[in-house]
Amino acid sequence: MPSPVRFAVVCKLLEQAGYELARVHGSHHIFAKPGSPIVSIPVHRNQVKPFYVRQVQRIVDAQNE
């Protein structure tokens, strides 16, 4: 099983794609970008599960195409 990734890395990827941290609700960090769907990333102990990292990577790749 892949290991979790630090939240700072995921946050940086989203910010480079134009997303901004809109709010935090409990452990969920909500990122928003005008004209794009919101992205919710649950963070526990400053780690993000691999499923969410892949989700972010797909979003970033789609915007680069």
N, C-alpha and C. Protein backbone atom coordinates (compact mmCIF):
# COMPACT_ATOMS: atom_id res chain seq x y z
N MET A 1 0.85 -1.19 0.00
CA MET A 1 0.00 0.00 0.00
C MET A 1 0.89 1.25 0.00
N PRO A 2 0.59 2.21 -0.86
CA PRO A 2 1.38 3.45 -0.89
C PRO A 2 1.28 4.20 0.43
N SER A 3 2.31 4.93 0.73
CA SER A 3 2.32 5.67 1.99
C SER A 3 1.68 7.04 1.81
N PRO A 4 1.19 7.62 2.90
CA PRO A 4 0.59 8.96 2.84
C PRO A 4 1.62 10.02 2.45
N VAL A 5 1.11 11.14 1.99
CA VAL A 5 1.95 12.26 1.55
C VAL A 5 1.67 13.44 2.48
N ARG A 6 2.69 14.24 2.72
CA ARG A 6 2.52 15.42 3.58
C ARG A 6 1.54 16.39 2.94
N PHE A 7 0.75 17.04 3.78
CA PHE A 7 -0.26 17.99 3.31
C PHE A 7 0.38 19.15 2.56
N ALA A 8 1.55 19.60 2.98
CA ALA A 8 2.21 20.73 2.34
C ALA A 8 2.47 20.46 0.86
N VAL A 9 2.79 19.23 0.52
CA VAL A 9 3.05 18.87 -0.88
C VAL A 9 1.76 18.96 -1.69
N VAL A 10 0.67 18.42 -1.14
CA VAL A 10 -0.63 18.45 -1.83
C VAL A 10 -1.12 19.89 -1.97
N CYS A 11 -0.95 20.66 -0.92
CA CYS A 11 -1.37 22.06 -0.94
C CYS A 11 -0.61 22.83 -2.03
N LYS A 12 0.67 22.59 -2.14
CA LYS A 12 1.48 23.27 -3.14
C LYS A 12 1.03 22.91 -4.56
N LEU A 13 0.71 21.63 -4.79
CA LEU A 13 0.23 21.21 -6.10
C LEU A 13 -1.06 21.94 -6.48
N LEU A 14 -1.99 22.01 -5.53
CA LEU A 14 -3.25 22.69 -5.80
C LEU A 14 -3.06 24.18 -6.02
N GLU A 15 -2.19 24.81 -5.24
CA GLU A 15 -1.95 26.24 -5.41
C GLU A 15 -1.30 26.54 -6.75
N GLN A 16 -0.42 25.66 -7.22
CA GLN A 16 0.20 25.85 -8.52
C GLN A 16 -0.82 25.71 -9.65
N ALA A 17 -1.89 24.95 -9.39
CA ALA A 17 -2.96 24.79 -10.38
C ALA A 17 -3.98 25.92 -10.29
N GLY A 18 -3.78 26.87 -9.38
CA GLY A 18 -4.67 28.01 -9.29
C GLY A 18 -5.71 27.93 -8.19
N TYR A 19 -5.69 26.87 -7.40
CA TYR A 19 -6.66 26.73 -6.30
C TYR A 19 -6.17 27.48 -5.08
N GLU A 20 -7.11 27.93 -4.26
CA GLU A 20 -6.80 28.60 -3.00
C GLU A 20 -7.53 27.89 -1.88
N LEU A 21 -6.93 27.88 -0.71
CA LEU A 21 -7.59 27.30 0.46
C LEU A 21 -8.72 28.24 0.86
N ALA A 22 -9.95 27.78 0.67
CA ALA A 22 -11.12 28.61 0.93
C ALA A 22 -11.53 28.56 2.39
N ARG A 23 -11.50 27.35 2.96
CA ARG A 23 -11.90 27.20 4.36
C ARG A 23 -11.45 25.85 4.87
N VAL A 24 -11.51 25.70 6.19
CA VAL A 24 -11.21 24.44 6.84
C VAL A 24 -12.40 24.10 7.72
N HIS A 25 -12.94 22.91 7.53
CA HIS A 25 -14.07 22.46 8.33
C HIS A 25 -13.66 21.14 8.98
N GLY A 26 -13.24 21.22 10.24
CA GLY A 26 -12.74 20.03 10.92
C GLY A 26 -11.42 19.61 10.30
N SER A 27 -11.36 18.38 9.83
CA SER A 27 -10.12 17.89 9.22
C SER A 27 -10.12 18.09 7.70
N HIS A 28 -11.20 18.61 7.15
CA HIS A 28 -11.30 18.79 5.71
C HIS A 28 -10.87 20.19 5.29
N HIS A 29 -9.90 20.24 4.40
CA HIS A 29 -9.42 21.49 3.84
C HIS A 29 -10.08 21.64 2.48
N ILE A 30 -10.81 22.73 2.29
CA ILE A 30 -11.59 22.96 1.09
C ILE A 30 -10.85 23.96 0.20
N PHE A 31 -10.53 23.53 -1.02
CA PHE A 31 -9.85 24.39 -1.98
C PHE A 31 -10.84 24.78 -3.06
N ALA A 32 -10.76 26.03 -3.53
CA ALA A 32 -11.66 26.52 -4.55
C ALA A 32 -10.90 27.28 -5.62
N LYS A 33 -11.47 27.26 -6.81
CA LYS A 33 -10.93 28.01 -7.94
C LYS A 33 -12.12 28.45 -8.78
N PRO A 34 -12.19 29.72 -9.15
CA PRO A 34 -13.33 30.18 -9.95
C PRO A 34 -13.47 29.37 -11.24
N GLY A 35 -14.69 28.91 -11.48
CA GLY A 35 -14.97 28.15 -12.68
C GLY A 35 -14.63 26.68 -12.60
N SER A 36 -14.18 26.21 -11.46
CA SER A 36 -13.81 24.80 -11.27
C SER A 36 -14.53 24.25 -10.04
N PRO A 37 -14.74 22.93 -10.00
CA PRO A 37 -15.37 22.35 -8.82
C PRO A 37 -14.45 22.46 -7.60
N ILE A 38 -15.05 22.50 -6.42
CA ILE A 38 -14.24 22.56 -5.20
C ILE A 38 -13.57 21.21 -4.97
N VAL A 39 -12.48 21.24 -4.22
CA VAL A 39 -11.74 20.04 -3.88
C VAL A 39 -11.64 19.98 -2.37
N SER A 40 -12.08 18.87 -1.79
CA SER A 40 -12.04 18.68 -0.35
C SER A 40 -10.99 17.62 -0.02
N ILE A 41 -10.03 17.98 0.80
CA ILE A 41 -8.94 17.08 1.16
C ILE A 41 -8.95 16.87 2.68
N PRO A 42 -9.22 15.64 3.14
CA PRO A 42 -9.14 15.37 4.57
C PRO A 42 -7.67 15.21 4.98
N VAL A 43 -7.30 15.87 6.07
CA VAL A 43 -5.92 15.83 6.55
C VAL A 43 -5.92 15.32 7.98
N HIS A 44 -5.14 14.28 8.22
CA HIS A 44 -5.01 13.72 9.56
C HIS A 44 -3.53 13.58 9.87
N ARG A 45 -3.12 14.19 10.99
CA ARG A 45 -1.71 14.16 11.42
C ARG A 45 -0.79 14.69 10.32
N ASN A 46 -1.25 15.72 9.64
CA ASN A 46 -0.49 16.39 8.57
C ASN A 46 -0.19 15.47 7.39
N GLN A 47 -1.01 14.42 7.21
CA GLN A 47 -0.82 13.47 6.11
C GLN A 47 -2.10 13.38 5.28
N VAL A 48 -1.93 13.11 4.00
CA VAL A 48 -3.04 12.94 3.08
C VAL A 48 -2.94 11.53 2.50
N LYS A 49 -4.05 10.81 2.49
CA LYS A 49 -4.05 9.44 1.98
C LYS A 49 -3.79 9.43 0.47
N PRO A 50 -3.17 8.34 -0.02
CA PRO A 50 -2.82 8.24 -1.44
C PRO A 50 -3.99 8.44 -2.40
N PHE A 51 -5.19 8.02 -2.01
CA PHE A 51 -6.37 8.21 -2.87
C PHE A 51 -6.56 9.68 -3.21
N TYR A 52 -6.43 10.55 -2.23
CA TYR A 52 -6.63 11.99 -2.44
C TYR A 52 -5.47 12.61 -3.21
N VAL A 53 -4.29 12.07 -3.03
CA VAL A 53 -3.13 12.56 -3.79
C VAL A 53 -3.35 12.26 -5.27
N ARG A 54 -3.85 11.06 -5.59
CA ARG A 54 -4.14 10.72 -6.99
C ARG A 54 -5.23 11.62 -7.55
N GLN A 55 -6.23 11.92 -6.73
CA GLN A 55 -7.31 12.81 -7.15
C GLN A 55 -6.75 14.19 -7.52
N VAL A 56 -5.90 14.72 -6.68
CA VAL A 56 -5.29 16.03 -6.94
C VAL A 56 -4.43 15.96 -8.20
N GLN A 57 -3.69 14.88 -8.37
CA GLN A 57 -2.83 14.75 -9.55
C GLN A 57 -3.65 14.73 -10.83
N ARG A 58 -4.82 14.06 -10.79
CA ARG A 58 -5.69 14.04 -11.96
C ARG A 58 -6.21 15.45 -12.28
N ILE A 59 -6.55 16.22 -11.25
CA ILE A 59 -7.03 17.58 -11.45
C ILE A 59 -5.94 18.44 -12.07
N VAL A 60 -4.74 18.34 -11.55
CA VAL A 60 -3.62 19.14 -12.06
C VAL A 60 -3.30 18.73 -13.50
N ASP A 61 -3.29 17.43 -13.78
CA ASP A 61 -3.00 16.96 -15.14
C ASP A 61 -4.07 17.43 -16.12
N ALA A 62 -5.32 17.42 -15.72
CA ALA A 62 -6.41 17.85 -16.60
C ALA A 62 -6.29 19.33 -16.93
N GLN A 63 -5.80 20.11 -16.01
CA GLN A 63 -5.67 21.55 -16.25
C GLN A 63 -4.45 21.86 -17.11
N ASN A 64 -3.47 20.97 -17.12
CA ASN A 64 -2.27 21.18 -17.92
C ASN A 64 -2.47 20.77 -19.38
N GLU A 65 -3.54 20.06 -19.67
CA GLU A 65 -3.79 19.60 -21.04
C GLU A 65 -4.39 20.68 -21.91
